[in-house]
Amino acid sequence: MSEFIDRVSSTLNHKILDVKSVERDESGEIISMEVEVIRNDEEGLTQEGTHLNAATLNGTINNMIIAKIKEALENYHENGLAVLETAEAIVLADGSCAQQDTIYISTDEDVSINIENEYTDLFEVIAPLEAEKGTFEVVINAIQDPESSGATEYDFIVKLYSKKNNDMVKKVTCTVTFQAPSSTPED
């Protein structure tokens, strides 16, 4: 188990008090009562919750920590210590100025640049092969509208590698959104 789960019931927290003994004073008023509290929320129970005891809590927390460590290690094996970022561009393959958009990426050191674009039939990505410390631009030009597959968003990746040691220092996942042409003549 890697998460805590709530108990779900339409009669959640309903209890039965089973009276074991009653102590009364001379006038018959109740002074004290010993009762056993019995859970009574089984009716309408749709999900058992996480049992609250040391063993299950420790186990669940350990599983959560292990899952986060595994996720971090998988990310490290794929990306090293690179900074992960996202960027967005919006284009329209109609021959107008909306056919092009620009993404600006900053770097803290001199880098070589690698572009991974699986959608070269839909858009081209223009970027320098190298950049000095600072900001550089990545230009996206729409080539053609996507076929009517329903998808309007496509990703490409910009990877920056340090000129000092060739380690990847930044990975930017860029999403290109194709807008539909306007059907209004004024637009």
Protein backbone atom coordinates (compact mmCIF):
# COMPACT_ATOMS: atom_id res chain seq x y z
CA MET A 1 0.00 0.00 0.00
CA SER A 2 1.43 3.37 -0.98
CA GLU A 3 -1.29 5.71 0.19
CA PHE A 4 -3.76 6.21 3.00
CA ILE A 5 -7.35 5.30 2.16
CA ASP A 6 -10.48 6.70 3.84
CA ARG A 7 -13.16 4.37 5.09
CA VAL A 8 -16.32 5.01 3.07
CA SER A 9 -19.75 4.19 4.48
CA SER A 10 -23.18 5.81 4.46
CA THR A 11 -23.25 5.26 8.25
CA LEU A 12 -19.66 6.36 8.92
CA ASN A 13 -18.80 6.81 12.64
CA HIS A 14 -22.09 5.34 13.88
CA LYS A 15 -21.55 3.60 17.24
CA ILE A 16 -23.52 1.41 19.63
CA LEU A 17 -23.02 1.92 23.37
CA ASP A 18 -23.39 -1.44 25.17
CA VAL A 19 -24.04 -0.60 28.85
CA LYS A 20 -22.03 -2.86 31.20
CA SER A 21 -22.88 -1.23 34.55
CA VAL A 22 -24.66 1.83 35.95
CA GLU A 23 -23.98 3.48 39.32
CA ARG A 24 -26.77 5.62 40.80
CA ASP A 25 -27.00 7.89 43.82
CA GLU A 26 -29.72 7.72 46.57
CA SER A 27 -32.20 9.65 44.44
CA GLY A 28 -31.75 7.37 41.42
CA GLU A 29 -29.68 9.80 39.34
CA ILE A 30 -26.90 8.24 37.29
CA ILE A 31 -23.47 8.97 38.75
CA SER A 32 -21.40 6.87 36.36
CA MET A 33 -21.86 4.38 33.62
CA GLU A 34 -19.48 1.80 32.12
CA VAL A 35 -20.12 1.17 28.45
CA GLU A 36 -18.46 -0.66 25.58
CA VAL A 37 -18.30 1.31 22.33
CA ILE A 38 -19.05 -0.88 19.31
CA ARG A 39 -18.53 0.27 15.72
CA ASN A 40 -21.84 0.29 13.82
CA ASP A 41 -20.98 1.58 10.36
CA GLU A 42 -20.85 -1.71 8.46
CA GLU A 43 -24.19 -1.00 6.80
CA GLY A 44 -23.47 0.96 3.63
CA LEU A 45 -19.73 0.23 3.80
CA THR A 46 -18.27 0.62 0.30
CA GLN A 47 -14.55 0.84 1.13
CA GLU A 48 -12.40 -0.26 4.06
CA GLY A 49 -9.98 2.42 5.11
CA THR A 50 -6.35 2.22 6.19
CA HIS A 51 -6.08 0.57 9.59
CA LEU A 52 -4.56 3.05 12.02
CA ASN A 53 -1.87 1.19 13.87
CA ALA A 54 1.90 1.53 14.00
CA ALA A 55 2.62 -1.38 11.65
CA THR A 56 0.34 -0.24 8.81
CA LEU A 57 1.27 3.44 9.18
CA ASN A 58 5.01 2.65 9.20
CA GLY A 59 4.62 0.29 6.25
CA THR A 60 2.55 2.77 4.23
CA ILE A 61 4.94 5.64 4.91
CA ASN A 62 7.94 3.45 4.01
CA ASN A 63 6.23 2.41 0.75
CA MET A 64 5.53 6.07 -0.06
CA ILE A 65 9.16 7.00 0.56
CA ILE A 66 10.43 4.07 -1.53
CA ALA A 67 8.07 5.00 -4.39
CA LYS A 68 9.33 8.62 -4.36
CA ILE A 69 12.97 7.46 -4.29
CA LYS A 70 12.35 5.09 -7.23
CA GLU A 71 10.67 7.91 -9.16
CA ALA A 72 13.61 10.24 -8.44
CA LEU A 73 16.14 7.56 -9.47
CA GLU A 74 14.29 6.85 -12.72
CA ASN A 75 14.22 10.58 -13.44
CA TYR A 76 17.94 10.83 -12.58
CA HIS A 77 18.84 7.93 -14.88
CA GLU A 78 16.92 9.58 -17.70
CA ASN A 79 17.82 13.23 -17.05
CA GLY A 80 20.77 13.33 -14.63
CA LEU A 81 20.82 16.49 -12.58
CA ALA A 82 19.28 18.51 -15.41
CA VAL A 83 16.75 21.20 -14.62
CA LEU A 84 13.36 20.19 -16.07
CA GLU A 85 11.18 22.89 -17.58
CA THR A 86 8.18 23.22 -19.86
CA ALA A 87 7.32 25.79 -22.53
CA GLU A 88 4.39 26.39 -24.86
CA ALA A 89 3.97 27.69 -28.39
CA ILE A 90 0.78 28.32 -30.37
CA VAL A 91 0.80 28.18 -34.17
CA LEU A 92 -1.65 28.24 -37.07
CA ALA A 93 -0.61 26.67 -40.38
CA ASP A 94 -2.33 29.26 -42.58
CA GLY A 95 0.60 31.21 -44.05
CA SER A 96 -0.01 34.21 -41.78
CA CYS A 97 2.25 35.59 -39.05
CA ALA A 98 0.44 33.19 -36.66
CA GLN A 99 2.31 30.40 -38.44
CA GLN A 100 5.33 31.14 -36.25
CA ASP A 101 5.92 31.36 -32.49
CA THR A 102 9.05 31.79 -30.38
CA ILE A 103 10.12 30.21 -27.12
CA TYR A 104 12.86 31.81 -25.03
CA ILE A 105 15.14 29.54 -23.01
CA SER A 106 17.70 30.75 -20.48
CA THR A 107 20.95 29.07 -19.53
CA ASP A 108 23.42 29.69 -16.72
CA GLU A 109 26.41 28.54 -18.76
CA ASP A 110 27.63 28.01 -22.31
CA VAL A 111 25.79 25.04 -23.82
CA SER A 112 25.38 22.91 -26.91
CA ILE A 113 21.75 22.40 -27.96
CA ASN A 114 20.01 19.23 -29.12
CA ILE A 115 16.45 19.31 -30.50
CA GLU A 116 14.29 16.15 -30.52
CA ASN A 117 11.27 16.64 -32.80
CA GLU A 118 9.23 13.67 -34.00
CA TYR A 119 6.74 15.89 -35.88
CA THR A 120 8.92 17.40 -38.61
CA ASP A 121 6.05 17.02 -41.09
CA LEU A 122 3.89 19.38 -38.96
CA PHE A 123 6.37 21.98 -37.73
CA GLU A 124 10.03 22.85 -37.90
CA VAL A 125 12.11 23.92 -34.92
CA ILE A 126 14.88 26.44 -35.52
CA ALA A 127 17.48 26.87 -32.78
CA PRO A 128 21.21 27.54 -32.62
CA LEU A 129 23.54 24.57 -32.18
CA GLU A 130 25.26 26.38 -29.29
CA ALA A 131 24.41 29.23 -26.93
CA GLU A 132 26.35 31.34 -24.48
CA LYS A 133 25.20 32.02 -20.92
CA GLY A 134 21.98 34.01 -21.13
CA THR A 135 18.80 33.61 -23.16
CA PHE A 136 18.37 32.24 -26.66
CA GLU A 137 15.32 31.75 -28.82
CA VAL A 138 13.76 28.70 -30.37
CA VAL A 139 11.48 29.43 -33.33
CA ILE A 140 8.62 27.11 -34.26
CA ASN A 141 7.20 27.30 -37.82
CA ALA A 142 3.99 25.47 -38.66
CA ILE A 143 4.33 23.53 -41.92
CA GLN A 144 0.88 22.01 -42.15
CA ASP A 145 -2.17 21.44 -40.00
CA PRO A 146 -2.41 18.04 -38.35
CA GLU A 147 -4.75 15.64 -40.08
CA SER A 148 -8.11 15.25 -38.42
CA SER A 149 -6.76 12.83 -35.80
CA GLY A 150 -8.19 15.03 -33.07
CA ALA A 151 -4.78 15.87 -31.62
CA THR A 152 -3.86 19.54 -31.53
CA GLU A 153 -0.87 19.44 -29.17
CA TYR A 154 2.53 18.01 -30.03
CA ASP A 155 5.71 17.95 -27.94
CA PHE A 156 9.35 18.39 -28.83
CA ILE A 157 12.32 18.45 -26.48
CA VAL A 158 15.23 20.87 -26.20
CA LYS A 159 18.23 19.47 -24.32
CA LEU A 160 21.08 21.71 -23.19
CA TYR A 161 24.51 20.16 -22.60
CA SER A 162 27.28 21.89 -20.66
CA LYS A 163 30.27 22.92 -22.79
CA LYS A 164 32.47 22.26 -19.72
CA ASN A 165 31.68 18.60 -19.03
CA ASN A 166 29.02 17.60 -21.63
CA ASP A 167 26.43 16.81 -18.90
CA MET A 168 22.82 17.64 -19.66
CA VAL A 169 22.03 20.77 -17.60
CA LYS A 170 18.48 21.49 -18.77
CA LYS A 171 15.67 19.64 -20.50
CA VAL A 172 12.75 21.70 -21.81
CA THR A 173 9.62 19.88 -22.96
CA CYS A 174 7.92 22.23 -25.42
CA THR A 175 4.27 21.83 -26.35
CA VAL A 176 3.14 23.15 -29.73
CA THR A 177 -0.60 23.79 -29.96
CA PHE A 178 -2.19 24.08 -33.40
CA GLN A 179 -5.08 26.53 -33.39
CA ALA A 180 -7.97 26.06 -35.74
CA PRO A 181 -8.32 28.82 -38.38
CA SER A 182 -10.99 31.37 -37.62
CA SER A 183 -14.24 31.02 -39.53
CA THR A 184 -15.03 34.72 -38.99
CA PRO A 185 -13.91 36.86 -41.96
CA GLU A 186 -12.99 39.81 -39.69
CA ASP A 187 -10.37 37.78 -37.83
